[in-house]
Amino acid sequence: MKAFIAYALVVVGVPFFIGLLFGSIVSIPISWLLLRNMRISVTSLPYLEVCNGFIAALAGGLLFHLFGLPLGLPILIILAVWITFYFVTYDQSLRALFSWLAGMLVARFVAIRIF
């Protein structure tokens, strides 16, 4: 039953919400500093979506850790499929999509060490 609840929370999007919330808390001040102090174009800012993907994957790992379940590859696959579905359906930037996916991939290796 714990596995069903944990996977249901991942499919519903709880890690994405956490990733967007806390990733924005990290990336918005960084973007302000970059735009104010450096000559950087606004089109380069979607690279900061790495923070959102990183925190979303860590939130998924933490969710499974709290339920006492092993952190497996299906979690990362579900997260990647959902974020890809969202970005393709709503015709979002591919640069931001790949930033999300890169952040989730890096967090996968970090989460294995942490949890």
Protein backbone atom coordinates (compact mmCIF):
# COMPACT_ATOMS: atom_id res chain seq x y z
CA MET A 1 0.00 0.00 0.00
CA LYS A 2 2.91 2.36 0.73
CA ALA A 3 4.31 1.82 -2.75
CA PHE A 4 0.95 2.60 -4.35
CA ILE A 5 0.62 5.86 -2.39
CA ALA A 6 4.21 6.91 -3.13
CA TYR A 7 3.88 6.26 -6.87
CA ALA A 8 0.47 7.97 -6.90
CA LEU A 9 2.00 11.08 -5.34
CA VAL A 10 4.75 11.08 -7.97
CA VAL A 11 2.25 10.65 -10.81
CA VAL A 12 -0.03 13.37 -9.44
CA GLY A 13 2.90 15.79 -9.44
CA VAL A 14 3.88 16.47 -5.86
CA PRO A 15 7.64 16.44 -6.66
CA PHE A 16 7.03 18.86 -9.55
CA PHE A 17 5.19 21.29 -7.32
CA ILE A 18 7.98 21.14 -4.76
CA GLY A 19 10.56 21.52 -7.52
CA LEU A 20 8.83 24.57 -8.96
CA LEU A 21 8.33 26.14 -5.56
CA PHE A 22 11.80 25.70 -4.11
CA GLY A 23 13.57 25.83 -7.48
CA SER A 24 12.08 29.25 -8.09
CA ILE A 25 13.22 30.37 -4.66
CA VAL A 26 16.76 29.50 -5.74
CA SER A 27 16.71 30.52 -9.40
CA ILE A 28 14.90 33.88 -9.25
CA PRO A 29 17.57 35.64 -7.13
CA ILE A 30 20.27 34.11 -9.34
CA SER A 31 18.55 35.43 -12.46
CA TRP A 32 18.23 38.91 -10.93
CA LEU A 33 21.94 38.93 -10.13
CA LEU A 34 22.87 37.69 -13.59
CA LEU A 35 20.73 40.26 -15.37
CA ARG A 36 21.86 43.11 -13.17
CA ASN A 37 25.60 42.44 -12.97
CA MET A 38 26.45 40.72 -16.25
CA ARG A 39 25.73 41.10 -19.89
CA ILE A 40 23.59 38.03 -20.27
CA SER A 41 20.60 37.67 -22.54
CA VAL A 42 17.19 36.81 -21.22
CA THR A 43 17.07 33.82 -23.58
CA SER A 44 19.85 32.18 -21.55
CA LEU A 45 17.78 32.16 -18.36
CA PRO A 46 15.93 28.88 -19.13
CA TYR A 47 19.18 27.17 -18.18
CA LEU A 48 18.28 28.01 -14.58
CA GLU A 49 15.45 25.46 -14.86
CA VAL A 50 18.13 22.96 -13.80
CA CYS A 51 17.37 24.00 -10.22
CA ASN A 52 13.71 23.06 -10.64
CA GLY A 53 14.49 19.64 -12.08
CA PHE A 54 17.16 18.98 -9.46
CA ILE A 55 14.86 19.80 -6.56
CA ALA A 56 11.92 17.91 -8.10
CA ALA A 57 13.98 14.73 -8.42
CA LEU A 58 15.31 15.15 -4.88
CA ALA A 59 11.74 15.62 -3.65
CA GLY A 60 10.75 12.37 -5.36
CA GLY A 61 13.68 10.60 -3.74
CA LEU A 62 12.82 12.06 -0.35
CA LEU A 63 9.21 10.99 -0.78
CA PHE A 64 10.24 7.39 -1.36
CA HIS A 65 12.76 7.57 1.47
CA LEU A 66 10.04 8.74 3.86
CA PHE A 67 7.84 5.82 2.81
CA GLY A 68 10.76 3.45 3.37
CA LEU A 69 10.89 2.37 -0.27
CA PRO A 70 14.00 1.95 -2.43
CA LEU A 71 14.82 4.73 -4.83
CA GLY A 72 14.49 3.12 -8.24
CA LEU A 73 14.80 4.18 -11.83
CA PRO A 74 10.99 4.18 -12.42
CA ILE A 75 10.70 7.36 -10.36
CA LEU A 76 13.07 9.22 -12.67
CA ILE A 77 11.32 7.79 -15.72
CA ILE A 78 7.89 8.90 -14.47
CA LEU A 79 9.22 12.38 -13.71
CA ALA A 80 10.92 12.63 -17.11
CA VAL A 81 7.84 11.46 -19.01
CA TRP A 82 5.57 13.89 -17.21
CA ILE A 83 7.81 16.92 -17.67
CA THR A 84 8.39 16.03 -21.32
CA PHE A 85 4.65 15.63 -21.83
CA TYR A 86 4.03 19.03 -20.27
CA PHE A 87 6.69 20.85 -22.29
CA VAL A 88 5.67 19.26 -25.59
CA THR A 89 1.92 19.69 -25.02
CA TYR A 90 2.14 23.37 -24.10
CA ASP A 91 4.84 24.12 -26.71
CA GLN A 92 7.40 25.29 -24.16
CA SER A 93 11.08 25.94 -24.76
CA LEU A 94 13.18 22.86 -25.48
CA ARG A 95 16.10 24.52 -23.72
CA ALA A 96 14.08 24.64 -20.51
CA LEU A 97 12.98 21.02 -21.00
CA PHE A 98 16.54 19.81 -21.38
CA SER A 99 17.52 21.89 -18.35
CA TRP A 100 14.82 20.16 -16.29
CA LEU A 101 15.97 16.75 -17.52
CA ALA A 102 19.63 17.55 -16.82
CA GLY A 103 18.77 18.69 -13.30
CA MET A 104 16.79 15.51 -12.67
CA LEU A 105 19.65 13.36 -13.97
CA VAL A 106 22.18 15.04 -11.71
CA ALA A 107 19.81 14.76 -8.75
CA ARG A 108 19.42 11.05 -9.45
CA PHE A 109 23.10 10.49 -8.74
CA VAL A 110 23.03 12.79 -5.71
CA ALA A 111 19.89 11.13 -4.32
CA ILE A 112 21.51 7.69 -4.52
CA ARG A 113 24.29 8.96 -2.27
CA ILE A 114 21.96 10.78 0.14
CA PHE A 115 19.11 8.31 0.48
